[in-house]
Amino acid sequence: MQDDAPLKPPDSCLSMAELRLAIDTLDARLVAMLAVRQSYIERAAVLKTGRHEVRDPARVEDVVTKVLARARAAGLSPAIAEPVWRTLIEQSIRHEFEAFDHKA
């Protein structure tokens, strides 16, 4: 299955091999999207003028609130969405601190 090919619906997967192929395709798409997200994080490090601007607790909560609303609408369990996004945000903040500290 190509990364941009339409996925079979889960109920149409008749074997574990088909199911795993679909999951692997989704993982490849997620990695590509996370790489794009990371590039925005790196740009934020360039635009911010002070290191104190990197961690913004109000923004973190705003993002999590929006994600949970979208998760509910999409049928994604909040028990999956919230810890995944909180981890993603925390690692993104760490990456942004590194980028901020290494900018010219």
Protein backbone atom coordinates (compact mmCIF):
# COMPACT_ATOMS: atom_id res chain seq x y z
CA MET A 1 0.00 0.00 0.00
CA GLN A 2 1.42 3.36 -1.00
CA ASP A 3 1.56 6.09 1.61
CA ASP A 4 -0.90 8.23 -0.34
CA ALA A 5 -3.23 5.44 -1.44
CA PRO A 6 -6.70 5.30 0.10
CA LEU A 7 -6.83 3.06 3.15
CA LYS A 8 -9.12 0.08 3.34
CA PRO A 9 -11.72 0.48 6.06
CA PRO A 10 -10.79 -1.60 9.11
CA ASP A 11 -13.78 -3.92 8.57
CA SER A 12 -12.51 -4.64 5.04
CA CYS A 13 -9.17 -5.94 6.30
CA LEU A 14 -9.55 -9.71 6.23
CA SER A 15 -6.15 -10.59 7.67
CA MET A 16 -3.67 -9.30 10.18
CA ALA A 17 -1.27 -8.66 7.29
CA GLU A 18 -3.76 -6.28 5.65
CA LEU A 19 -4.50 -4.58 8.95
CA ARG A 20 -0.79 -4.15 9.73
CA LEU A 21 -0.14 -2.74 6.28
CA ALA A 22 -2.85 -0.13 6.82
CA ILE A 23 -1.43 0.76 10.25
CA ASP A 24 2.08 1.04 8.79
CA THR A 25 0.73 3.37 6.11
CA LEU A 26 -0.97 5.51 8.74
CA ASP A 27 2.25 5.60 10.77
CA ALA A 28 4.18 6.82 7.72
CA ARG A 29 1.61 9.58 7.19
CA LEU A 30 1.75 10.58 10.85
CA VAL A 31 5.55 10.77 10.75
CA ALA A 32 5.42 13.02 7.69
CA MET A 33 2.86 15.30 9.35
CA LEU A 34 4.86 15.44 12.58
CA ALA A 35 7.94 16.44 10.59
CA VAL A 36 5.96 19.37 9.16
CA ARG A 37 4.76 20.27 12.67
CA GLN A 38 8.37 20.22 13.85
CA SER A 39 9.34 22.70 11.14
CA TYR A 40 6.74 25.12 12.54
CA ILE A 41 8.17 24.62 16.02
CA GLU A 42 11.63 25.44 14.67
CA ARG A 43 10.26 28.57 13.00
CA ALA A 44 8.67 29.62 16.30
CA ALA A 45 12.13 29.46 17.90
CA VAL A 46 13.36 31.90 15.27
CA LEU A 47 10.46 34.31 15.72
CA LYS A 48 10.48 34.38 19.52
CA THR A 49 12.76 37.03 20.97
CA GLY A 50 13.12 35.67 24.49
CA ARG A 51 13.68 32.17 25.87
CA HIS A 52 10.87 32.80 28.36
CA GLU A 53 8.44 32.80 25.42
CA VAL A 54 9.12 29.17 24.53
CA ARG A 55 6.91 27.61 27.22
CA ASP A 56 3.41 29.12 27.24
CA PRO A 57 1.15 27.19 29.64
CA ALA A 58 -1.99 28.97 28.40
CA ARG A 59 -1.17 27.96 24.82
CA VAL A 60 -0.56 24.35 25.91
CA GLU A 61 -4.00 24.17 27.49
CA ASP A 62 -5.59 25.86 24.46
CA VAL A 63 -4.04 23.27 22.13
CA VAL A 64 -5.10 20.36 24.35
CA THR A 65 -8.66 21.70 24.61
CA LYS A 66 -8.91 22.03 20.82
CA VAL A 67 -7.42 18.57 20.27
CA LEU A 68 -9.86 16.97 22.72
CA ALA A 69 -12.80 18.61 20.97
CA ARG A 70 -11.55 17.35 17.60
CA ALA A 71 -10.85 13.92 19.08
CA ARG A 72 -14.41 13.62 20.38
CA ALA A 73 -15.80 14.67 16.99
CA ALA A 74 -13.59 12.14 15.19
CA GLY A 75 -14.29 9.27 17.60
CA LEU A 76 -10.80 9.24 19.11
CA SER A 77 -10.73 8.33 22.78
CA PRO A 78 -9.67 11.24 25.01
CA ALA A 79 -7.68 8.64 26.97
CA ILE A 80 -5.49 8.30 23.88
CA ALA A 81 -5.61 11.86 22.56
CA GLU A 82 -4.73 13.79 25.70
CA PRO A 83 -1.58 11.93 26.79
CA VAL A 84 -0.35 11.68 23.20
CA TRP A 85 -0.72 15.43 22.65
CA ARG A 86 0.69 16.38 26.05
CA THR A 87 3.76 14.27 25.27
CA LEU A 88 3.98 15.74 21.76
CA ILE A 89 3.72 19.27 23.14
CA GLU A 90 6.30 18.67 25.86
CA GLN A 91 8.79 17.17 23.40
CA SER A 92 8.08 20.01 20.97
CA ILE A 93 8.84 22.54 23.72
CA ARG A 94 12.13 20.76 24.46
CA HIS A 95 12.99 20.82 20.77
CA GLU A 96 12.09 24.49 20.57
CA PHE A 97 14.33 25.32 23.54
CA GLU A 98 17.21 23.58 21.75
CA ALA A 99 16.45 25.44 18.52
CA PHE A 100 16.16 28.74 20.38
CA ASP A 101 19.48 28.18 22.15
CA HIS A 102 21.25 27.41 18.87
CA LYS A 103 19.89 30.21 16.71
CA ALA A 104 22.32 32.80 15.48
